[in-house]
N, C-alpha and C. Protein backbone atom coordinates (compact mmCIF):
# COMPACT_ATOMS: atom_id res chain seq x y z
N MET A 1 -63.54 -86.92 -31.41
CA MET A 1 -64.35 -86.54 -30.26
C MET A 1 -65.07 -87.76 -29.70
N ASN A 2 -65.69 -88.56 -30.56
CA ASN A 2 -66.40 -89.75 -30.09
C ASN A 2 -65.44 -90.74 -29.45
N LEU A 3 -64.24 -90.83 -29.98
CA LEU A 3 -63.24 -91.74 -29.43
C LEU A 3 -62.84 -91.30 -28.02
N LYS A 4 -62.73 -90.00 -27.82
CA LYS A 4 -62.38 -89.47 -26.49
C LYS A 4 -63.49 -89.78 -25.49
N LEU A 5 -64.74 -89.58 -25.89
CA LEU A 5 -65.87 -89.87 -25.01
C LEU A 5 -65.92 -91.35 -24.67
N PHE A 6 -65.66 -92.18 -25.67
CA PHE A 6 -65.64 -93.62 -25.44
C PHE A 6 -64.54 -93.99 -24.45
N ALA A 7 -63.37 -93.41 -24.61
CA ALA A 7 -62.24 -93.69 -23.71
C ALA A 7 -62.57 -93.25 -22.29
N VAL A 8 -63.19 -92.11 -22.14
CA VAL A 8 -63.57 -91.62 -20.81
C VAL A 8 -64.62 -92.54 -20.19
N ALA A 9 -65.59 -92.96 -20.97
CA ALA A 9 -66.63 -93.85 -20.47
C ALA A 9 -66.04 -95.19 -20.02
N VAL A 10 -65.13 -95.73 -20.80
CA VAL A 10 -64.49 -97.00 -20.44
C VAL A 10 -63.66 -96.83 -19.18
N SER A 11 -62.94 -95.73 -19.08
CA SER A 11 -62.12 -95.47 -17.89
C SER A 11 -62.98 -95.37 -16.64
N LEU A 12 -64.08 -94.67 -16.73
CA LEU A 12 -64.98 -94.54 -15.58
C LEU A 12 -65.57 -95.89 -15.19
N ALA A 13 -65.92 -96.69 -16.18
CA ALA A 13 -66.47 -98.02 -15.89
C ALA A 13 -65.44 -98.89 -15.20
N LEU A 14 -64.18 -98.82 -15.64
CA LEU A 14 -63.11 -99.60 -15.00
C LEU A 14 -62.87 -99.13 -13.58
N LEU A 15 -62.88 -97.83 -13.35
CA LEU A 15 -62.71 -97.30 -12.00
C LEU A 15 -63.83 -97.76 -11.08
N ALA A 16 -65.04 -97.72 -11.58
CA ALA A 16 -66.18 -98.15 -10.77
C ALA A 16 -66.09 -99.64 -10.45
N ALA A 17 -65.70 -100.44 -11.42
CA ALA A 17 -65.56 -101.88 -11.18
C ALA A 17 -64.45 -102.17 -10.18
N THR A 18 -63.35 -101.44 -10.26
CA THR A 18 -62.24 -101.62 -9.32
C THR A 18 -62.67 -101.24 -7.91
N ALA A 19 -63.37 -100.13 -7.77
CA ALA A 19 -63.84 -99.70 -6.45
C ALA A 19 -64.80 -100.72 -5.85
N GLU A 20 -65.68 -101.25 -6.67
CA GLU A 20 -66.64 -102.26 -6.19
C GLU A 20 -65.92 -103.53 -5.76
N ALA A 21 -64.92 -103.94 -6.52
CA ALA A 21 -64.16 -105.14 -6.17
C ALA A 21 -63.40 -104.94 -4.85
N GLN A 22 -62.87 -103.74 -4.63
CA GLN A 22 -62.17 -103.46 -3.38
C GLN A 22 -63.15 -103.50 -2.22
N ASP A 23 -64.35 -102.96 -2.40
CA ASP A 23 -65.37 -103.00 -1.35
C ASP A 23 -65.72 -104.43 -1.00
N LYS A 24 -65.90 -105.28 -2.00
CA LYS A 24 -66.24 -106.68 -1.76
C LYS A 24 -65.11 -107.39 -1.04
N GLY A 25 -63.87 -107.06 -1.39
CA GLY A 25 -62.72 -107.66 -0.74
C GLY A 25 -62.64 -107.26 0.72
N SER A 26 -62.89 -105.99 1.01
CA SER A 26 -62.85 -105.55 2.41
C SER A 26 -64.03 -106.13 3.18
N ASN A 27 -65.17 -106.32 2.51
CA ASN A 27 -66.31 -106.96 3.17
C ASN A 27 -65.98 -108.40 3.53
N ARG A 28 -65.27 -109.10 2.66
CA ARG A 28 -64.88 -110.48 2.95
C ARG A 28 -63.97 -110.53 4.18
N GLU A 29 -63.04 -109.58 4.26
CA GLU A 29 -62.14 -109.54 5.41
C GLU A 29 -62.93 -109.24 6.69
N LEU A 30 -63.86 -108.32 6.60
CA LEU A 30 -64.69 -107.96 7.76
C LEU A 30 -65.55 -109.15 8.18
N VAL A 31 -66.15 -109.83 7.23
CA VAL A 31 -66.98 -111.00 7.55
C VAL A 31 -66.12 -112.09 8.19
N ALA A 32 -64.90 -112.27 7.70
CA ALA A 32 -64.01 -113.27 8.29
C ALA A 32 -63.68 -112.92 9.74
N LYS A 33 -63.42 -111.65 10.00
CA LYS A 33 -63.13 -111.21 11.37
C LYS A 33 -64.35 -111.39 12.26
N LEU A 34 -65.52 -111.05 11.75
CA LEU A 34 -66.75 -111.20 12.53
C LEU A 34 -67.06 -112.68 12.78
N ASP A 35 -66.76 -113.54 11.81
CA ASP A 35 -66.93 -114.99 12.01
C ASP A 35 -66.02 -115.49 13.13
N GLN A 36 -64.80 -114.98 13.16
CA GLN A 36 -63.88 -115.36 14.22
C GLN A 36 -64.41 -114.90 15.58
N MET A 37 -64.93 -113.69 15.63
CA MET A 37 -65.51 -113.18 16.87
C MET A 37 -66.71 -114.03 17.31
N ARG A 38 -67.51 -114.45 16.33
CA ARG A 38 -68.67 -115.29 16.63
C ARG A 38 -68.23 -116.61 17.24
N SER A 39 -67.17 -117.20 16.68
CA SER A 39 -66.64 -118.45 17.23
C SER A 39 -66.17 -118.28 18.67
N GLU A 40 -65.50 -117.17 18.93
CA GLU A 40 -65.05 -116.89 20.30
C GLU A 40 -66.25 -116.73 21.23
N SER A 41 -67.29 -116.06 20.76
CA SER A 41 -68.49 -115.87 21.57
C SER A 41 -69.17 -117.20 21.86
N GLU A 42 -69.23 -118.07 20.85
CA GLU A 42 -69.82 -119.40 21.05
C GLU A 42 -69.06 -120.16 22.12
N HIS A 43 -67.75 -120.10 22.05
CA HIS A 43 -66.92 -120.81 23.03
C HIS A 43 -67.16 -120.26 24.44
N LYS A 44 -67.17 -118.95 24.57
CA LYS A 44 -67.38 -118.35 25.89
C LYS A 44 -68.76 -118.68 26.43
N ALA A 45 -69.76 -118.69 25.56
CA ALA A 45 -71.12 -119.02 26.00
C ALA A 45 -71.21 -120.47 26.45
N GLN A 46 -70.39 -121.35 25.86
CA GLN A 46 -70.42 -122.76 26.25
C GLN A 46 -69.78 -122.99 27.62
N ILE A 47 -68.76 -122.21 27.95
CA ILE A 47 -68.05 -122.48 29.20
C ILE A 47 -68.58 -121.67 30.38
N LEU A 48 -69.39 -120.65 30.12
CA LEU A 48 -69.92 -119.81 31.19
C LEU A 48 -71.35 -120.21 31.54
N THR A 49 -71.82 -119.68 32.66
CA THR A 49 -73.21 -119.90 33.08
C THR A 49 -73.80 -118.58 33.55
N GLY A 50 -75.11 -118.56 33.71
CA GLY A 50 -75.81 -117.41 34.27
C GLY A 50 -75.76 -116.18 33.39
N GLY A 51 -75.59 -115.02 34.05
CA GLY A 51 -75.59 -113.73 33.37
C GLY A 51 -74.51 -113.59 32.31
N PRO A 52 -73.26 -113.98 32.64
CA PRO A 52 -72.22 -113.88 31.61
C PRO A 52 -72.53 -114.70 30.36
N LYS A 53 -73.12 -115.86 30.55
CA LYS A 53 -73.49 -116.69 29.39
C LYS A 53 -74.52 -115.96 28.54
N GLN A 54 -75.51 -115.36 29.18
CA GLN A 54 -76.55 -114.63 28.45
C GLN A 54 -75.95 -113.46 27.67
N LYS A 55 -74.98 -112.79 28.29
CA LYS A 55 -74.31 -111.67 27.62
C LYS A 55 -73.66 -112.14 26.32
N TRP A 56 -72.94 -113.28 26.38
CA TRP A 56 -72.25 -113.78 25.20
C TRP A 56 -73.23 -114.34 24.16
N LEU A 57 -74.35 -114.90 24.60
CA LEU A 57 -75.36 -115.38 23.65
C LEU A 57 -75.99 -114.20 22.90
N LEU A 58 -76.27 -113.11 23.61
CA LEU A 58 -76.81 -111.91 22.95
C LEU A 58 -75.79 -111.32 21.98
N HIS A 59 -74.54 -111.30 22.42
CA HIS A 59 -73.48 -110.78 21.56
C HIS A 59 -73.37 -111.62 20.29
N GLU A 60 -73.45 -112.93 20.44
CA GLU A 60 -73.39 -113.83 19.30
C GLU A 60 -74.57 -113.59 18.34
N ALA A 61 -75.74 -113.37 18.90
CA ALA A 61 -76.92 -113.11 18.06
C ALA A 61 -76.74 -111.82 17.27
N ARG A 62 -76.20 -110.79 17.91
CA ARG A 62 -75.95 -109.52 17.21
C ARG A 62 -74.93 -109.72 16.09
N LEU A 63 -73.90 -110.51 16.36
CA LEU A 63 -72.89 -110.80 15.33
C LEU A 63 -73.53 -111.55 14.16
N ASN A 64 -74.38 -112.52 14.46
CA ASN A 64 -75.05 -113.28 13.40
C ASN A 64 -75.86 -112.37 12.49
N LYS A 65 -76.62 -111.45 13.09
CA LYS A 65 -77.43 -110.52 12.30
C LYS A 65 -76.56 -109.65 11.41
N LEU A 66 -75.47 -109.15 11.99
CA LEU A 66 -74.57 -108.27 11.24
C LEU A 66 -73.91 -109.03 10.09
N ILE A 67 -73.45 -110.23 10.34
CA ILE A 67 -72.82 -111.05 9.30
C ILE A 67 -73.82 -111.34 8.18
N ASP A 68 -75.04 -111.69 8.55
CA ASP A 68 -76.07 -111.97 7.53
C ASP A 68 -76.34 -110.75 6.67
N ARG A 69 -76.40 -109.57 7.30
CA ARG A 69 -76.64 -108.34 6.53
C ARG A 69 -75.48 -108.04 5.58
N LEU A 70 -74.25 -108.24 6.06
CA LEU A 70 -73.09 -108.00 5.20
C LEU A 70 -73.06 -108.96 4.03
N LYS A 71 -73.34 -110.24 4.30
CA LYS A 71 -73.33 -111.24 3.23
C LYS A 71 -74.43 -110.97 2.20
N ALA A 72 -75.54 -110.36 2.65
CA ALA A 72 -76.64 -110.05 1.74
C ALA A 72 -76.39 -108.75 0.97
N GLY A 73 -75.29 -108.06 1.29
CA GLY A 73 -74.97 -106.83 0.59
C GLY A 73 -75.70 -105.62 1.10
N GLN A 74 -76.32 -105.73 2.26
CA GLN A 74 -77.04 -104.61 2.84
C GLN A 74 -76.05 -103.65 3.51
N PRO A 75 -76.40 -102.37 3.55
CA PRO A 75 -75.50 -101.41 4.20
C PRO A 75 -75.49 -101.62 5.72
N VAL A 76 -74.32 -101.40 6.32
CA VAL A 76 -74.16 -101.55 7.76
C VAL A 76 -73.51 -100.28 8.29
N ASP A 77 -74.05 -99.75 9.36
CA ASP A 77 -73.50 -98.55 9.98
C ASP A 77 -72.17 -98.89 10.65
N PRO A 78 -71.10 -98.18 10.32
CA PRO A 78 -69.81 -98.46 10.94
C PRO A 78 -69.84 -98.33 12.47
N LYS A 79 -70.72 -97.49 13.00
CA LYS A 79 -70.84 -97.36 14.45
C LYS A 79 -71.30 -98.67 15.08
N GLU A 80 -72.16 -99.39 14.37
CA GLU A 80 -72.64 -100.68 14.87
C GLU A 80 -71.49 -101.68 14.97
N ILE A 81 -70.63 -101.66 13.97
CA ILE A 81 -69.47 -102.55 14.00
C ILE A 81 -68.54 -102.17 15.14
N ASP A 82 -68.31 -100.87 15.32
CA ASP A 82 -67.45 -100.40 16.41
C ASP A 82 -68.01 -100.81 17.77
N GLU A 83 -69.32 -100.70 17.94
CA GLU A 83 -69.94 -101.09 19.21
C GLU A 83 -69.73 -102.57 19.49
N LEU A 84 -69.89 -103.40 18.47
CA LEU A 84 -69.67 -104.84 18.64
C LEU A 84 -68.22 -105.15 18.98
N LEU A 85 -67.30 -104.44 18.34
CA LEU A 85 -65.88 -104.66 18.63
C LEU A 85 -65.55 -104.28 20.08
N LYS A 86 -66.06 -103.13 20.52
CA LYS A 86 -65.81 -102.69 21.90
C LYS A 86 -66.41 -103.69 22.89
N GLU A 87 -67.62 -104.11 22.60
CA GLU A 87 -68.30 -105.07 23.48
C GLU A 87 -67.54 -106.40 23.54
N HIS A 88 -67.02 -106.82 22.41
CA HIS A 88 -66.34 -108.12 22.34
C HIS A 88 -65.03 -108.11 23.12
N TYR A 89 -64.30 -107.00 23.07
CA TYR A 89 -62.97 -106.96 23.66
C TYR A 89 -62.94 -106.30 25.04
N ARG A 90 -64.06 -106.21 25.72
CA ARG A 90 -64.08 -105.69 27.11
C ARG A 90 -63.53 -106.70 28.04
């Protein structure tokens, strides 16, 4: 009986560790994509002037905040990511 409980506990711990590793891996991919978007925003802000430049600077600032929160392990609302993606690809 104790051996069965031990086996179940070890299995659950392995499943939890695997799920956490997958989350970290997907976060890395998301951060990489957001970094790429930030680079594009920086470039657009450099070549534009006036209102469009301000739009891209604000977009870049929002991306920076989101990337910092993801790197710190803080939760991020998926709707916020979707809004940034829509805004970026308009």
